[in-house]
Protein backbone atom coordinates (compact mmCIF):
# COMPACT_ATOMS: atom_id res chain seq x y z
CA MET A 1 -31.61 9.43 2.80
CA THR A 2 -33.84 6.88 3.98
CA THR A 3 -37.19 5.93 2.43
CA ASN A 4 -40.29 4.92 4.14
CA PRO A 5 -42.66 2.44 2.48
CA GLU A 6 -45.92 4.20 4.01
CA LEU A 7 -45.00 7.40 2.43
CA GLU A 8 -44.25 6.25 -0.87
CA VAL A 9 -48.25 5.09 -1.01
CA ASN A 10 -48.75 8.31 -0.05
CA GLN A 11 -46.73 10.42 -2.86
CA GLU A 12 -48.63 7.77 -5.32
CA THR A 13 -51.60 8.78 -3.72
CA SER A 14 -51.08 12.47 -3.88
CA GLU A 15 -49.89 12.35 -7.47
CA ALA A 16 -53.10 10.13 -8.74
CA MET A 17 -55.51 12.40 -6.54
CA ALA A 18 -53.65 15.63 -7.91
CA THR A 19 -53.89 14.52 -11.79
CA GLU A 20 -57.82 13.55 -10.89
CA THR A 21 -58.40 17.23 -9.54
CA GLU A 22 -56.63 18.83 -12.26
CA GLU A 23 -58.42 17.21 -15.05
CA LEU A 24 -61.65 17.69 -12.98
CA THR A 25 -60.86 21.63 -12.10
CA GLY A 26 -59.07 22.36 -15.28
CA ALA A 27 -56.39 25.38 -15.28
CA SER A 28 -59.03 28.07 -16.22
CA LEU A 29 -60.90 27.97 -12.45
CA GLY A 30 -59.78 30.34 -9.82
CA TYR A 31 -57.50 29.23 -7.03
CA LYS A 32 -60.47 29.43 -4.68
CA GLU A 33 -62.39 26.89 -6.74
CA GLN A 34 -59.17 24.98 -7.27
CA ILE A 35 -58.99 24.58 -3.61
CA GLU A 36 -62.82 23.99 -3.20
CA ALA A 37 -62.63 20.89 -5.58
CA VAL A 38 -59.55 19.37 -3.76
CA ILE A 39 -61.23 19.63 -0.34
CA ALA A 40 -64.58 18.16 -1.74
CA THR A 41 -62.62 15.05 -2.43
CA LEU A 42 -60.98 14.53 0.86
CA ALA A 43 -63.29 16.37 3.57
CA GLU A 44 -64.73 13.41 5.41
CA ASN A 45 -68.51 13.66 6.73
CA ASP A 46 -69.51 16.54 5.09
CA SER A 47 -66.97 18.87 7.16
CA ALA A 48 -65.87 21.17 5.23
CA MET A 49 -65.97 25.00 6.40
CA PHE A 50 -65.34 28.29 4.70
CA GLN A 51 -64.66 31.69 6.16
CA LYS A 52 -63.68 34.53 4.48
CA ASN A 53 -61.94 37.53 6.38
CA GLU A 54 -59.21 40.65 5.95
CA ASN A 55 -56.29 37.31 5.92
CA GLY A 56 -58.28 36.13 2.51
CA HIS A 57 -59.90 32.86 2.44
CA LEU A 58 -60.26 29.90 5.42
CA TRP A 59 -60.86 26.22 4.92
CA ARG A 60 -61.33 23.49 7.72
CA PHE A 61 -62.23 20.39 7.09
CA GLN A 62 -61.79 16.83 8.83
CA TYR A 63 -59.27 13.92 7.64
CA GLY A 64 -59.25 10.89 9.36
CA SER A 65 -58.16 11.95 12.76
CA VAL A 66 -57.05 15.52 11.70
CA GLU A 67 -58.43 19.09 11.23
CA VAL A 68 -56.79 20.70 7.71
CA PHE A 69 -56.54 24.24 7.22
CA VAL A 70 -56.06 25.71 4.07
CA GLN A 71 -55.68 29.57 3.87
CA LEU A 72 -55.30 31.47 0.56
CA THR A 73 -54.49 35.01 1.33
CA GLY A 74 -55.93 36.20 -2.61
CA GLU A 75 -55.41 35.84 -5.86
CA LYS A 76 -52.47 38.04 -7.07
CA ASP A 77 -49.04 36.43 -7.98
CA GLU A 78 -47.62 37.19 -4.58
CA ASP A 79 -50.24 36.03 -2.42
CA LEU A 80 -49.58 32.66 -0.61
CA LEU A 81 -51.01 28.72 -0.62
CA THR A 82 -50.63 28.00 3.17
CA VAL A 83 -51.85 24.36 4.28
CA TRP A 84 -51.39 23.07 7.93
CA SER A 85 -52.57 20.66 10.45
CA ALA A 86 -51.93 20.71 14.43
CA ILE A 87 -50.64 17.22 15.25
CA MET A 88 -50.14 17.25 18.88
CA PRO A 89 -49.69 19.89 21.82
CA PHE A 90 -45.86 20.56 22.17
CA PRO A 91 -45.03 18.09 25.31
CA LYS A 92 -43.30 19.47 28.31
CA GLN A 93 -41.44 15.98 28.61
CA LYS A 94 -39.02 14.51 25.78
CA GLU A 95 -38.56 17.95 24.39
CA ASN A 96 -35.32 17.63 22.66
CA GLU A 97 -36.09 13.93 21.69
CA LEU A 98 -39.29 14.90 19.98
CA MET A 99 -37.57 18.09 18.07
CA ARG A 100 -34.53 15.70 16.91
CA GLN A 101 -37.15 13.22 15.58
CA LEU A 102 -39.19 16.08 13.69
CA LEU A 103 -35.92 17.42 12.09
CA GLU A 104 -34.82 13.80 10.84
CA MET A 105 -38.41 13.40 9.46
CA ASN A 106 -38.10 16.88 7.74
CA GLY A 107 -34.74 15.39 6.15
CA SER A 108 -36.17 12.17 4.88
CA GLY A 109 -40.52 11.67 5.09
CA THR A 110 -42.51 14.84 4.48
CA PHE A 111 -42.22 15.56 0.92
CA GLU A 112 -42.77 19.16 0.43
CA THR A 113 -44.03 19.65 3.62
CA LYS A 114 -42.29 20.25 7.25
CA PHE A 115 -42.63 20.04 10.79
CA ALA A 116 -42.57 23.23 12.98
CA ILE A 117 -43.65 24.16 16.26
CA ILE A 118 -46.07 27.01 16.39
CA ASN A 119 -48.01 28.32 19.41
CA ASP A 120 -47.12 25.44 21.63
CA GLN A 121 -48.38 22.96 18.93
CA VAL A 122 -46.29 20.74 16.64
CA VAL A 123 -47.97 21.02 13.19
CA LEU A 124 -47.34 19.92 9.71
CA LEU A 125 -47.58 22.86 7.38
CA THR A 126 -46.40 24.10 3.40
CA GLN A 127 -46.72 27.07 2.11
CA ARG A 128 -45.85 28.90 -1.06
CA ILE A 129 -46.85 32.03 -3.12
CA VAL A 130 -49.46 31.30 -5.79
CA ASP A 131 -47.49 32.68 -8.91
CA GLY A 132 -47.41 29.73 -11.05
CA LEU A 133 -49.36 27.14 -8.94
CA SER A 134 -51.34 24.74 -11.39
CA PRO A 135 -54.15 22.27 -9.92
CA SER A 136 -52.01 19.30 -9.45
CA GLU A 137 -49.60 21.64 -7.00
CA ILE A 138 -53.05 23.02 -5.30
CA SER A 139 -53.90 19.24 -4.90
CA ARG A 140 -50.29 17.97 -3.96
CA ALA A 141 -50.17 20.11 -0.85
CA ILE A 142 -53.52 19.52 0.59
CA THR A 143 -53.29 15.99 0.20
CA LEU A 144 -49.71 15.75 1.50
CA VAL A 145 -50.81 17.56 4.86
CA ALA A 146 -54.15 15.71 4.94
CA SER A 147 -52.55 12.20 4.70
CA LEU A 148 -49.02 12.90 6.57
CA ALA A 149 -50.71 14.56 9.23
CA ASP A 150 -53.09 11.42 9.38
CA GLU A 151 -50.57 9.38 9.35
CA TYR A 152 -47.79 10.96 11.99
CA ASP A 153 -50.59 12.37 14.53
CA ASP A 154 -51.27 9.02 16.26
CA LYS A 155 -47.76 7.98 16.18
CA LEU A 156 -46.35 11.03 17.48
CA LYS A 157 -48.88 11.24 20.06
CA SER A 158 -48.14 7.69 21.52
CA GLN A 159 -44.51 8.20 21.42
CA TYR A 160 -44.34 12.07 23.37
CA GLY A 161 -48.25 12.27 24.71
């Protein structure tokens, strides 16, 4: 498996932010408050927005050139934390080439995140149940999606359009 030096920097950054967030939030805060603490450190230009609906809590914020979404369905053990960012519309040209590249990237450079195609959009996402979720894991999930999406969006758009 190959490693990407740029991604190693992102992993170090993610781990440092996770440690800092855990120190700031402590394990005693609820998941919602922990998520808000992480978003406060990442959101640019006061871009964080919050909405509560029948699907739980939803946050949106700008990070670099991407918009990042965080959804928490609730705070019970079986509830889900999902973090995603749309990278680009799925192109009409070079579909197989792009899908192959995304699969290869999933296997070697996205850590706990993954590329997917949802509603004709190439997205980067991560998802897990909240049972046992620590502040550092929340920070890592949000930080990885934000930083990797911001890193890959321009590269993929320039290649595939």
